[in-house]
Amino acid sequence: MVGDYNLPNLTLPQQSEVTLGKWSRMRKTYLKEHHKILYYNLLTKGTLTQHLAEIQQRATELEETVVRQMAQKEGLTEQMKANDMMKWVRLMNNIRNSAQEIVKEQVIFN
């Protein structure tokens, strides 16, 4: 009882501590801004951190796989890295950026 009002005494369930990475922070922001109902449902059920940890793992694995496949397709090798470092870095950055866009589309904003 607060004044003339009865206010509920709500507490959230205990959630395990999870270190949020880049992808999980991005997913959390996306849910907060675009899917508020889902965000608050996960939060009140106590499954938000578990959800974010799963997203982080899936996104990291997908990014590593896509980068590896694209680098192999483009012919990026350790020999190329040794011979022309700047070209290798430029191509690798392009591949990483492309892979991150794929991860955002398939995992984060889905």
PDB file of N, CA and C in Angstrom:
ATOM      1  N   MET A   1       0.843  -1.167   0.000  1.00  0.00           N
ATOM      2  CA  MET A   1       0.000   0.000   0.000  1.00  0.00           C
ATOM      3  C   MET A   1       0.895   1.239   0.000  1.00  0.00           C
ATOM      4  N   VAL A   2       0.731   2.042  -1.027  1.00  0.00           N
ATOM      5  CA  VAL A   2       1.454   3.308  -1.126  1.00  0.00           C
ATOM      6  C   VAL A   2       0.416   4.403  -1.205  1.00  0.00           C
ATOM      7  N   GLY A   3       0.278   5.140  -0.129  1.00  0.00           N
ATOM      8  CA  GLY A   3      -0.768   6.152  -0.102  1.00  0.00           C
ATOM      9  C   GLY A   3      -2.124   5.484  -0.176  1.00  0.00           C
ATOM     10  N   ASP A   4      -2.907   5.857  -1.165  1.00  0.00           N
ATOM     11  CA  ASP A   4      -4.222   5.259  -1.366  1.00  0.00           C
ATOM     12  C   ASP A   4      -4.212   4.139  -2.401  1.00  0.00           C
ATOM     13  N   TYR A   5      -3.038   3.777  -2.885  1.00  0.00           N
ATOM     14  CA  TYR A   5      -2.951   2.817  -3.977  1.00  0.00           C
ATOM     15  C   TYR A   5      -2.270   1.535  -3.529  1.00  0.00           C
ATOM     16  N   ASN A   6      -2.736   0.428  -4.050  1.00  0.00           N
ATOM     17  CA  ASN A   6      -2.072  -0.860  -3.881  1.00  0.00           C
ATOM     18  C   ASN A   6      -1.181  -1.079  -5.102  1.00  0.00           C
ATOM     19  N   LEU A   7       0.103  -1.088  -4.895  1.00  0.00           N
ATOM     20  CA  LEU A   7       1.042  -1.327  -5.986  1.00  0.00           C
ATOM     21  C   LEU A   7       1.580  -2.745  -5.881  1.00  0.00           C
ATOM     22  N   PRO A   8       1.678  -3.457  -7.011  1.00  0.00           N
ATOM     23  CA  PRO A   8       2.201  -4.827  -6.953  1.00  0.00           C
ATOM     24  C   PRO A   8       3.695  -4.816  -6.624  1.00  0.00           C
ATOM     25  N   ASN A   9       4.109  -5.822  -5.898  1.00  0.00           N
ATOM     26  CA  ASN A   9       5.521  -5.979  -5.556  1.00  0.00           C
ATOM     27  C   ASN A   9       6.101  -7.050  -6.482  1.00  0.00           C
ATOM     28  N   LEU A  10       6.479  -6.646  -7.689  1.00  0.00           N
ATOM     29  CA  LEU A  10       6.962  -7.578  -8.708  1.00  0.00           C
ATOM     30  C   LEU A  10       8.475  -7.683  -8.666  1.00  0.00           C
ATOM     31  N   THR A  11       8.977  -8.870  -8.842  1.00  0.00           N
ATOM     32  CA  THR A  11      10.416  -9.086  -8.970  1.00  0.00           C
ATOM     33  C   THR A  11      10.654  -9.993 -10.160  1.00  0.00           C
ATOM     34  N   LEU A  12      11.764  -9.779 -10.829  1.00  0.00           N
ATOM     35  CA  LEU A  12      12.123 -10.609 -11.972  1.00  0.00           C
ATOM     36  C   LEU A  12      12.794 -11.885 -11.495  1.00  0.00           C
ATOM     37  N   PRO A  13      12.601 -12.987 -12.219  1.00  0.00           N
ATOM     38  CA  PRO A  13      13.298 -14.226 -11.858  1.00  0.00           C
ATOM     39  C   PRO A  13      14.804 -14.057 -12.016  1.00  0.00           C
ATOM     40  N   GLN A  14      15.569 -14.854 -11.263  1.00  0.00           N
ATOM     41  CA  GLN A  14      17.025 -14.804 -11.361  1.00  0.00           C
ATOM     42  C   GLN A  14      17.459 -15.250 -12.753  1.00  0.00           C
ATOM     43  N   GLN A  15      18.390 -14.498 -13.321  1.00  0.00           N
ATOM     44  CA  GLN A  15      18.947 -14.851 -14.619  1.00  0.00           C
ATOM     45  C   GLN A  15      20.444 -15.034 -14.456  1.00  0.00           C
ATOM     46  N   SER A  16      20.990 -15.979 -15.184  1.00  0.00           N
ATOM     47  CA  SER A  16      22.422 -16.225 -15.098  1.00  0.00           C
ATOM     48  C   SER A  16      23.188 -15.064 -15.722  1.00  0.00           C
ATOM     49  N   GLU A  17      24.390 -14.848 -15.234  1.00  0.00           N
ATOM     50  CA  GLU A  17      25.236 -13.782 -15.777  1.00  0.00           C
ATOM     51  C   GLU A  17      25.820 -14.229 -17.107  1.00  0.00           C
ATOM     52  N   VAL A  18      25.634 -13.420 -18.113  1.00  0.00           N
ATOM     53  CA  VAL A  18      26.152 -13.705 -19.446  1.00  0.00           C
ATOM     54  C   VAL A  18      26.853 -12.459 -19.948  1.00  0.00           C
ATOM     55  N   THR A  19      28.058 -12.632 -20.479  1.00  0.00           N
ATOM     56  CA  THR A  19      28.757 -11.513 -21.080  1.00  0.00           C
ATOM     57  C   THR A  19      28.170 -11.283 -22.464  1.00  0.00           C
ATOM     58  N   LEU A  20      27.627 -10.109 -22.668  1.00  0.00           N
ATOM     59  CA  LEU A  20      26.996  -9.802 -23.949  1.00  0.00           C
ATOM     60  C   LEU A  20      28.050  -9.342 -24.946  1.00  0.00           C
ATOM     61  N   GLY A  21      28.068  -9.974 -26.097  1.00  0.00           N
ATOM     62  CA  GLY A  21      28.976  -9.587 -27.154  1.00  0.00           C
ATOM     63  C   GLY A  21      28.305  -8.614 -28.111  1.00  0.00           C
ATOM     64  N   LYS A  22      28.993  -8.358 -29.189  1.00  0.00           N
ATOM     65  CA  LYS A  22      28.499  -7.413 -30.194  1.00  0.00           C
ATOM     66  C   LYS A  22      27.122  -7.822 -30.722  1.00  0.00           C
ATOM     67  N   TRP A  23      26.983  -9.091 -31.074  1.00  0.00           N
ATOM     68  CA  TRP A  23      25.750  -9.551 -31.705  1.00  0.00           C
ATOM     69  C   TRP A  23      24.588  -9.567 -30.721  1.00  0.00           C
ATOM     70  N   SER A  24      24.835  -9.977 -29.499  1.00  0.00           N
ATOM     71  CA  SER A  24      23.739 -10.020 -28.524  1.00  0.00           C
ATOM     72  C   SER A  24      23.290  -8.616 -28.130  1.00  0.00           C
ATOM     73  N   ARG A  25      24.225  -7.678 -28.033  1.00  0.00           N
ATOM     74  CA  ARG A  25      23.834  -6.291 -27.745  1.00  0.00           C
ATOM     75  C   ARG A  25      23.012  -5.717 -28.892  1.00  0.00           C
ATOM     76  N   MET A  26      23.391  -6.055 -30.123  1.00  0.00           N
ATOM     77  CA  MET A  26      22.656  -5.581 -31.291  1.00  0.00           C
ATOM     78  C   MET A  26      21.242  -6.172 -31.311  1.00  0.00           C
ATOM     79  N   ARG A  27      21.118  -7.446 -30.971  1.00  0.00           N
ATOM     80  CA  ARG A  27      19.804  -8.107 -30.935  1.00  0.00           C
ATOM     81  C   ARG A  27      18.933  -7.497 -29.844  1.00  0.00           C
ATOM     82  N   LYS A  28      19.521  -7.232 -28.686  1.00  0.00           N
ATOM     83  CA  LYS A  28      18.772  -6.639 -27.578  1.00  0.00           C
ATOM     84  C   LYS A  28      18.229  -5.263 -27.974  1.00  0.00           C
ATOM     85  N   THR A  29      19.054  -4.445 -28.601  1.00  0.00           N
ATOM     86  CA  THR A  29      18.624  -3.127 -29.054  1.00  0.00           C
ATOM     87  C   THR A  29      17.516  -3.256 -30.091  1.00  0.00           C
ATOM     88  N   TYR A  30      17.678  -4.196 -31.013  1.00  0.00           N
ATOM     89  CA  TYR A  30      16.660  -4.413 -32.047  1.00  0.00           C
ATOM     90  C   TYR A  30      15.324  -4.814 -31.423  1.00  0.00           C
ATOM     91  N   LEU A  31      15.365  -5.737 -30.460  1.00  0.00           N
ATOM     92  CA  LEU A  31      14.125  -6.160 -29.811  1.00  0.00           C
ATOM     93  C   LEU A  31      13.485  -5.008 -29.046  1.00  0.00           C
ATOM     94  N   LYS A  32      14.289  -4.224 -28.349  1.00  0.00           N
ATOM     95  CA  LYS A  32      13.752  -3.093 -27.577  1.00  0.00           C
ATOM     96  C   LYS A  32      13.058  -2.081 -28.476  1.00  0.00           C
ATOM     97  N   GLU A  33      13.630  -1.831 -29.648  1.00  0.00           N
ATOM     98  CA  GLU A  33      13.110  -0.790 -30.530  1.00  0.00           C
ATOM     99  C   GLU A  33      11.991  -1.266 -31.453  1.00  0.00           C
ATOM    100  N   HIS A  34      12.041  -2.524 -31.884  1.00  0.00           N
ATOM    101  CA  HIS A  34      11.111  -2.971 -32.917  1.00  0.00           C
ATOM    102  C   HIS A  34      10.153  -4.078 -32.483  1.00  0.00           C
ATOM    103  N   HIS A  35      10.491  -4.813 -31.449  1.00  0.00           N
ATOM    104  CA  HIS A  35       9.637  -5.916 -30.971  1.00  0.00           C
ATOM    105  C   HIS A  35       9.533  -5.835 -29.456  1.00  0.00           C
ATOM    106  N   LYS A  36       8.916  -4.776 -28.984  1.00  0.00           N
ATOM    107  CA  LYS A  36       8.850  -4.515 -27.541  1.00  0.00           C
ATOM    108  C   LYS A  36       8.116  -5.612 -26.781  1.00  0.00           C
ATOM    109  N   ILE A  37       7.059  -6.148 -27.350  1.00  0.00           N
ATOM    110  CA  ILE A  37       6.299  -7.189 -26.661  1.00  0.00           C
ATOM    111  C   ILE A  37       7.156  -8.428 -26.454  1.00  0.00           C
ATOM    112  N   LEU A  38       7.847  -8.872 -27.508  1.00  0.00           N
ATOM    113  CA  LEU A  38       8.732 -10.028 -27.390  1.00  0.00           C
ATOM    114  C   LEU A  38       9.840  -9.754 -26.377  1.00  0.00           C
ATOM    115  N   TYR A  39      10.415  -8.561 -26.429  1.00  0.00           N
ATOM    116  CA  TYR A  39      11.482  -8.193 -25.492  1.00  0.00           C
ATOM    117  C   TYR A  39      10.989  -8.286 -24.051  1.00  0.00           C
ATOM    118  N   TYR A  40       9.842  -7.685 -23.750  1.00  0.00           N
ATOM    119  CA  TYR A  40       9.340  -7.703 -22.381  1.00  0.00           C
ATOM    120  C   TYR A  40       8.857  -9.087 -21.949  1.00  0.00           C
ATOM    121  N   ASN A  41       8.353  -9.882 -22.887  1.00  0.00           N
ATOM    122  CA  ASN A  41       7.992 -11.266 -22.554  1.00  0.00           C
ATOM    123  C   ASN A  41       9.227 -12.068 -22.154  1.00  0.00           C
ATOM    124  N   LEU A  42      10.301 -11.941 -22.943  1.00  0.00           N
ATOM    125  CA  LEU A  42      11.540 -12.643 -22.610  1.00  0.00           C
ATOM    126  C   LEU A  42      12.107 -12.144 -21.284  1.00  0.00           C
ATOM    127  N   LEU A  43      12.031 -10.849 -21.061  1.00  0.00           N
ATOM    128  CA  LEU A  43      12.561 -10.254 -19.837  1.00  0.00           C
ATOM    129  C   LEU A  43      11.795 -10.736 -18.609  1.00  0.00           C
ATOM    130  N   THR A  44      10.481 -10.717 -18.676  1.00  0.00           N
ATOM    131  CA  THR A  44       9.687 -11.103 -17.508  1.00  0.00           C
ATOM    132  C   THR A  44       9.701 -12.610 -17.254  1.00  0.00           C
ATOM    133  N   LYS A  45       9.896 -13.411 -18.284  1.00  0.00           N
ATOM    134  CA  LYS A  45      10.008 -14.865 -18.098  1.00  0.00           C
ATOM    135  C   LYS A  45      11.391 -15.250 -17.580  1.00  0.00           C
ATOM    136  N   GLY A  46      12.341 -14.329 -17.692  1.00  0.00           N
ATOM    137  CA  GLY A  46      13.700 -14.626 -17.240  1.00  0.00           C
ATOM    138  C   GLY A  46      14.522 -15.361 -18.270  1.00  0.00           C
ATOM    139  N   THR A  47      14.108 -15.302 -19.541  1.00  0.00           N
ATOM    140  CA  THR A  47      14.827 -16.026 -20.587  1.00  0.00           C
ATOM    141  C   THR A  47      15.560 -15.094 -21.553  1.00  0.00           C
ATOM    142  N   LEU A  48      15.602 -13.811 -21.242  1.00  0.00           N
ATOM    143  CA  LEU A  48      16.248 -12.861 -22.154  1.00  0.00           C
ATOM    144  C   LEU A  48      17.742 -13.146 -22.286  1.00  0.00           C
ATOM    145  N   THR A  49      18.432 -13.354 -21.179  1.00  0.00           N
ATOM    146  CA  THR A  49      19.880 -13.585 -21.266  1.00  0.00           C
ATOM    147  C   THR A  49      20.188 -14.885 -21.994  1.00  0.00           C
ATOM    148  N   GLN A  50      19.369 -15.902 -21.779  1.00  0.00           N
ATOM    149  CA  GLN A  50      19.564 -17.164 -22.502  1.00  0.00           C
ATOM    150  C   GLN A  50      19.367 -16.952 -24.000  1.00  0.00           C
ATOM    151  N   HIS A  51      18.331 -16.216 -24.361  1.00  0.00           N
ATOM    152  CA  HIS A  51      18.057 -15.904 -25.766  1.00  0.00           C
ATOM    153  C   HIS A  51      19.232 -15.145 -26.383  1.00  0.00           C
ATOM    154  N   LEU A  52      19.731 -14.140 -25.672  1.00  0.00           N
ATOM    155  CA  LEU A  52      20.839 -13.339 -26.189  1.00  0.00           C
ATOM    156  C   LEU A  52      22.113 -14.166 -26.314  1.00  0.00           C
ATOM    157  N   ALA A  53      22.345 -15.077 -25.386  1.00  0.00           N
ATOM    158  CA  ALA A  53      23.525 -15.948 -25.465  1.00  0.00           C
ATOM    159  C   ALA A  53      23.440 -16.866 -26.689  1.00  0.00           C
ATOM    160  N   GLU A  54      22.254 -17.391 -26.958  1.00  0.00           N
ATOM    161  CA  GLU A  54      22.058 -18.245 -28.140  1.00  0.00           C
ATOM    162  C   GLU A  54      22.273 -17.446 -29.423  1.00  0.00           C
ATOM    163  N   ILE A  55      21.755 -16.229 -29.460  1.00  0.00           N
ATOM    164  CA  ILE A  55      21.931 -15.367 -30.636  1.00  0.00           C
ATOM    165  C   ILE A  55      23.412 -15.080 -30.841  1.00  0.00           C
ATOM    166  N   GLN A  56      24.130 -14.774 -29.765  1.00  0.00           N
ATOM    167  CA  GLN A  56      25.562 -14.489 -29.853  1.00  0.00           C
ATOM    168  C   GLN A  56      26.314 -15.678 -30.439  1.00  0.00           C
ATOM    169  N   GLN A  57      25.997 -16.867 -29.957  1.00  0.00           N
ATOM    170  CA  GLN A  57      26.677 -18.072 -30.437  1.00  0.00           C
ATOM    171  C   GLN A  57      26.357 -18.337 -31.910  1.00  0.00           C
ATOM    172  N   ARG A  58      25.083 -18.284 -32.272  1.00  0.00           N
ATOM    173  CA  ARG A  58      24.687 -18.528 -33.669  1.00  0.00           C
ATOM    174  C   ARG A  58      25.317 -17.516 -34.616  1.00  0.00           C
ATOM    175  N   ALA A  59      25.295 -16.243 -34.216  1.00  0.00           N
ATOM    176  CA  ALA A  59      25.827 -15.194 -35.088  1.00  0.00           C
ATOM    177  C   ALA A  59      27.338 -15.335 -35.258  1.00  0.00           C
ATOM    178  N   THR A  60      28.039 -15.643 -34.186  1.00  0.00           N
ATOM    179  CA  THR A  60      29.494 -15.800 -34.265  1.00  0.00           C
ATOM    180  C   THR A  60      29.866 -16.979 -35.155  1.00  0.00           C
ATOM    181  N   GLU A  61      29.179 -18.095 -34.977  1.00  0.00           N
ATOM    182  CA  GLU A  61      29.458 -19.273 -35.796  1.00  0.00           C
ATOM    183  C   GLU A  61      29.170 -18.996 -37.272  1.00  0.00           C
ATOM    184  N   LEU A  62      28.047 -18.340 -37.549  1.00  0.00           N
ATOM    185  CA  LEU A  62      27.695 -18.023 -38.936  1.00  0.00           C
ATOM    186  C   LEU A  62      28.721 -17.085 -39.553  1.00  0.00           C
ATOM    187  N   GLU A  63      29.138 -16.071 -38.805  1.00  0.00           N
ATOM    188  CA  GLU A  63      30.121 -15.126 -39.329  1.00  0.00           C
ATOM    189  C   GLU A  63      31.429 -15.828 -39.664  1.00  0.00           C
ATOM    190  N   GLU A  64      31.917 -16.679 -38.754  1.00  0.00           N
ATOM    191  CA  GLU A  64      33.167 -17.403 -39.002  1.00  0.00           C
ATOM    192  C   GLU A  64      33.059 -18.309 -40.229  1.00  0.00           C
ATOM    193  N   THR A  65      31.933 -18.987 -40.350  1.00  0.00           N
ATOM    194  CA  THR A  65      31.729 -19.895 -41.486  1.00  0.00           C
ATOM    195  C   THR A  65      31.691 -19.126 -42.801  1.00  0.00           C
ATOM    196  N   VAL A  66      30.937 -18.043 -42.834  1.00  0.00           N
ATOM    197  CA  VAL A  66      30.799 -17.262 -44.069  1.00  0.00           C
ATOM    198  C   VAL A  66      32.136 -16.637 -44.454  1.00  0.00           C
ATOM    199  N   VAL A  67      32.874 -16.114 -43.491  1.00  0.00           N
ATOM    200  CA  VAL A  67      34.187 -15.519 -43.788  1.00  0.00           C
ATOM    201  C   VAL A  67      35.123 -16.579 -44.358  1.00  0.00           C
ATOM    202  N   ARG A  68      35.151 -17.747 -43.744  1.00  0.00           N
ATOM    203  CA  ARG A  68      36.028 -18.821 -44.214  1.00  0.00           C
ATOM    204  C   ARG A  68      35.667 -19.239 -45.643  1.00  0.00           C
ATOM    205  N   GLN A  69      34.370 -19.406 -45.906  1.00  0.00           N
ATOM    206  CA  GLN A  69      33.932 -19.826 -47.241  1.00  0.00           C
ATOM    207  C   GLN A  69      34.222 -18.759 -48.295  1.00  0.00           C
ATOM    208  N   MET A  70      33.947 -17.502 -47.959  1.00  0.00           N
ATOM    209  CA  MET A  70      34.177 -16.433 -48.932  1.00  0.00           C
ATOM    210  C   MET A  70      35.674 -16.236 -49.195  1.00  0.00           C
ATOM    211  N   ALA A  71      36.495 -16.368 -48.160  1.00  0.00           N
ATOM    212  CA  ALA A  71      37.943 -16.226 -48.334  1.00  0.00           C
ATOM    213  C   ALA A  71      38.473 -17.342 -49.223  1.00  0.00           C
ATOM    214  N   GLN A  72      37.974 -18.536 -49.018  1.00  0.00           N
ATOM    215  CA  GLN A  72      38.393 -19.662 -49.846  1.00  0.00           C
ATOM    216  C   GLN A  72      37.959 -19.449 -51.297  1.00  0.00           C
ATOM    217  N   LYS A  73      36.747 -18.956 -51.487  1.00  0.00           N
ATOM    218  CA  LYS A  73      36.232 -18.707 -52.835  1.00  0.00           C
ATOM    219  C   LYS A  73      37.040 -17.626 -53.551  1.00  0.00           C
ATOM    220  N   GLU A  74      37.440 -16.580 -52.800  1.00  0.00           N
ATOM    221  CA  GLU A  74      38.226 -15.488 -53.376  1.00  0.00           C
ATOM    222  C   GLU A  74      39.698 -15.849 -53.559  1.00  0.00           C
ATOM    223  N   GLY A  75      40.123 -16.958 -52.976  1.00  0.00           N
ATOM    224  CA  GLY A  75      41.506 -17.390 -53.124  1.00  0.00           C
ATOM    225  C   GLY A  75      42.471 -16.693 -52.173  1.00  0.00           C
ATOM    226  N   LEU A  76      41.974 -16.244 -51.038  1.00  0.00           N
ATOM    227  CA  LEU A  76      42.843 -15.606 -50.044  1.00  0.00           C
ATOM    228  C   LEU A  76      43.604 -16.684 -49.287  1.00  0.00           C
ATOM    229  N   THR A  77      44.914 -16.632 -49.391  1.00  0.00           N
ATOM    230  CA  THR A  77      45.769 -17.634 -48.755  1.00  0.00           C
ATOM    231  C   THR A  77      46.836 -16.946 -47.918  1.00  0.00           C
ATOM    232  N   GLU A  78      47.549 -17.741 -47.130  1.00  0.00           N
ATOM    233  CA  GLU A  78      48.660 -17.207 -46.344  1.00  0.00           C
ATOM    234  C   GLU A  78      49.781 -16.726 -47.268  1.00  0.00           C
ATOM    235  N   GLN A  79      49.918 -17.362 -48.421  1.00  0.00           N
ATOM    236  CA  GLN A  79      50.930 -16.939 -49.396  1.00  0.00           C
ATOM    237  C   GLN A  79      50.614 -15.540 -49.910  1.00  0.00           C
ATOM    238  N   MET A  80      49.345 -15.287 -50.200  1.00  0.00           N
ATOM    239  CA  MET A  80      48.929 -13.958 -50.656  1.00  0.00           C
ATOM    240  C   MET A  80      49.152 -12.934 -49.551  1.00  0.00           C
ATOM    241  N   LYS A  81      48.900 -13.338 -48.323  1.00  0.00           N
ATOM    242  CA  LYS A  81      49.103 -12.456 -47.174  1.00  0.00           C
ATOM    243  C   LYS A  81      50.574 -12.077 -47.053  1.00  0.00           C
ATOM    244  N   ALA A  82      51.445 -13.023 -47.295  1.00  0.00           N
ATOM    245  CA  ALA A  82      52.879 -12.758 -47.205  1.00  0.00           C
ATOM    246  C   ALA A  82      53.374 -11.901 -48.366  1.00  0.00           C
ATOM    247  N   ASN A  83      52.819 -12.107 -49.553  1.00  0.00           N
ATOM    248  CA  ASN A  83      53.286 -11.389 -50.741  1.00  0.00           C
ATOM    249  C   ASN A  83      52.739  -9.964 -50.834  1.00  0.00           C
ATOM    250  N   ASP A  84      51.442  -9.794 -50.616  1.00  0.00           N
ATOM    251  CA  ASP A  84      50.819  -8.478 -50.762  1.00  0.00           C
ATOM    252  C   ASP A  84      49.843  -8.246 -49.611  1.00  0.00           C
ATOM    253  N   MET A  85      50.406  -7.799 -48.493  1.00  0.00           N
ATOM    254  CA  MET A  85      49.637  -7.643 -47.257  1.00  0.00           C
ATOM    255  C   MET A  85      48.465  -6.673 -47.424  1.00  0.00           C
ATOM    256  N   MET A  86      48.671  -5.548 -48.077  1.00  0.00           N
ATOM    257  CA  MET A  86      47.619  -4.543 -48.197  1.00  0.00           C
ATOM    258  C   MET A  86      46.431  -5.055 -49.023  1.00  0.00           C
ATOM    259  N   LYS A  87      46.709  -5.771 -50.076  1.00  0.00           N
ATOM    260  CA  LYS A  87      45.635  -6.343 -50.888  1.00  0.00           C
ATOM    261  C   LYS A  87      44.866  -7.379 -50.081  1.00  0.00           C
ATOM    262  N   TRP A  88      45.588  -8.210 -49.327  1.00  0.00           N
ATOM    263  CA  TRP A  88      44.955  -9.238 -48.504  1.00  0.00           C
ATOM    264  C   TRP A  88      44.049  -8.591 -47.455  1.00  0.00           C
ATOM    265  N   VAL A  89      44.544  -7.536 -46.789  1.00  0.00           N
ATOM    266  CA  VAL A  89      43.757  -6.848 -45.761  1.00  0.00           C
ATOM    267  C   VAL A  89      42.513  -6.213 -46.381  1.00  0.00           C
ATOM    268  N   ARG A  90      42.666  -5.574 -47.523  1.00  0.00           N
ATOM    269  CA  ARG A  90      41.533  -4.940 -48.200  1.00  0.00           C
ATOM    270  C   ARG A  90      40.460  -5.979 -48.550  1.00  0.00           C
ATOM    271  N   LEU A  91      40.874  -7.088 -49.131  1.00  0.00           N
ATOM    272  CA  LEU A  91      39.912  -8.130 -49.504  1.00  0.00           C
ATOM    273  C   LEU A  91      39.274  -8.767 -48.271  1.00  0.00           C
ATOM    274  N   MET A  92      40.077  -8.979 -47.239  1.00  0.00           N
ATOM    275  CA  MET A  92      39.560  -9.591 -46.024  1.00  0.00           C
ATOM    276  C   MET A  92      38.548  -8.672 -45.329  1.00  0.00           C
ATOM    277  N   ASN A  93      38.819  -7.372 -45.325  1.00  0.00           N
ATOM    278  CA  ASN A  93      37.865  -6.421 -44.746  1.00  0.00           C
ATOM    279  C   ASN A  93      36.549  -6.419 -45.518  1.00  0.00           C
ATOM    280  N   ASN A  94      36.630  -6.483 -46.832  1.00  0.00           N
ATOM    281  CA  ASN A  94      35.412  -6.550 -47.653  1.00  0.00           C
ATOM    282  C   ASN A  94      34.614  -7.814 -47.341  1.00  0.00           C
ATOM    283  N   ILE A  95      35.321  -8.923 -47.209  1.00  0.00           N
ATOM    284  CA  ILE A  95      34.663 -10.190 -46.903  1.00  0.00           C
ATOM    285  C   ILE A  95      34.017 -10.125 -45.523  1.00  0.00           C
ATOM    286  N   ARG A  96      34.735  -9.601 -44.533  1.00  0.00           N
ATOM    287  CA  ARG A  96      34.194  -9.492 -43.179  1.00  0.00           C
ATOM    288  C   ARG A  96      32.940  -8.615 -43.145  1.00  0.00           C
ATOM    289  N   ASN A  97      32.986  -7.495 -43.851  1.00  0.00           N
ATOM    290  CA  ASN A  97      31.814  -6.606 -43.906  1.00  0.00           C
ATOM    291  C   ASN A  97      30.619  -7.302 -44.554  1.00  0.00           C
ATOM    292  N   SER A  98      30.869  -8.025 -45.611  1.00  0.00           N
ATOM    293  CA  SER A  98      29.789  -8.769 -46.276  1.00  0.00           C
ATOM    294  C   SER A  98      29.219  -9.843 -45.356  1.00  0.00           C
ATOM    295  N   ALA A  99      30.090 -10.537 -44.654  1.00  0.00           N
ATOM    296  CA  ALA A  99      29.654 -11.585 -43.732  1.00  0.00           C
ATOM    297  C   ALA A  99      28.823 -10.992 -42.597  1.00  0.00           C
ATOM    298  N   GLN A 100      29.216  -9.836 -42.106  1.00  0.00           N
ATOM    299  CA  GLN A 100      28.465  -9.198 -41.023  1.00  0.00           C
ATOM    300  C   GLN A 100      27.078  -8.766 -41.485  1.00  0.00           C
ATOM    301  N   GLU A 101      26.969  -8.313 -42.726  1.00  0.00           N
ATOM    302  CA  GLU A 101      25.657  -7.962 -43.258  1.00  0.00           C
ATOM    303  C   GLU A 101      24.766  -9.195 -43.374  1.00  0.00           C
ATOM    304  N   ILE A 102      25.345 -10.316 -43.760  1.00  0.00           N
ATOM    305  CA  ILE A 102      24.593 -11.571 -43.855  1.00  0.00           C
ATOM    306  C   ILE A 102      24.107 -11.994 -42.475  1.00  0.00           C
ATOM    307  N   VAL A 103      24.975 -11.888 -41.467  1.00  0.00           N
ATOM    308  CA  VAL A 103      24.598 -12.252 -40.106  1.00  0.00           C
ATOM    309  C   VAL A 103      23.473 -11.350 -39.594  1.00  0.00           C
ATOM    310  N   LYS A 104      23.584 -10.062 -39.857  1.00  0.00           N
ATOM    311  CA  LYS A 104      22.522  -9.150 -39.417  1.00  0.00           C
ATOM    312  C   LYS A 104      21.179  -9.539 -40.029  1.00  0.00           C
ATOM    313  N   GLU A 105      21.183  -9.858 -41.305  1.00  0.00           N
ATOM    314  CA  GLU A 105      19.950 -10.190 -42.010  1.00  0.00           C
ATOM    315  C   GLU A 105      19.362 -11.516 -41.532  1.00  0.00           C
ATOM    316  N   GLN A 106      20.210 -12.524 -41.344  1.00  0.00           N
ATOM    317  CA  GLN A 106      19.704 -13.868 -41.051  1.00  0.00           C
ATOM    318  C   GLN A 106      19.493 -14.152 -39.572  1.00  0.00           C
ATOM    319  N   VAL A 107      20.247 -13.489 -38.688  1.00  0.00           N
ATOM    320  CA  VAL A 107      20.162 -13.814 -37.268  1.00  0.00           C
ATOM    321  C   VAL A 107      19.611 -12.662 -36.432  1.00  0.00           C
ATOM    322  N   ILE A 108      20.170 -11.485 -36.579  1.00  0.00           N
ATOM    323  CA  ILE A 108      19.833 -10.370 -35.699  1.00  0.00           C
ATOM    324  C   ILE A 108      18.453  -9.791 -36.003  1.00  0.00           C
ATOM    325  N   PHE A 109      18.186  -9.477 -37.241  1.00  0.00           N
ATOM    326  CA  PHE A 109      16.936  -8.809 -37.610  1.00  0.00           C
ATOM    327  C   PHE A 109      15.871  -9.787 -38.072  1.00  0.00           C
ATOM    328  N   ASN A 110      15.916 -10.992 -37.600  1.00  0.00           N
ATOM    329  CA  ASN A 110      14.978 -12.023 -38.023  1.00  0.00           C
ATOM    330  C   ASN A 110      14.045 -12.380 -36.902  1.00  0.00           C
TER     331      ASN A 110
END
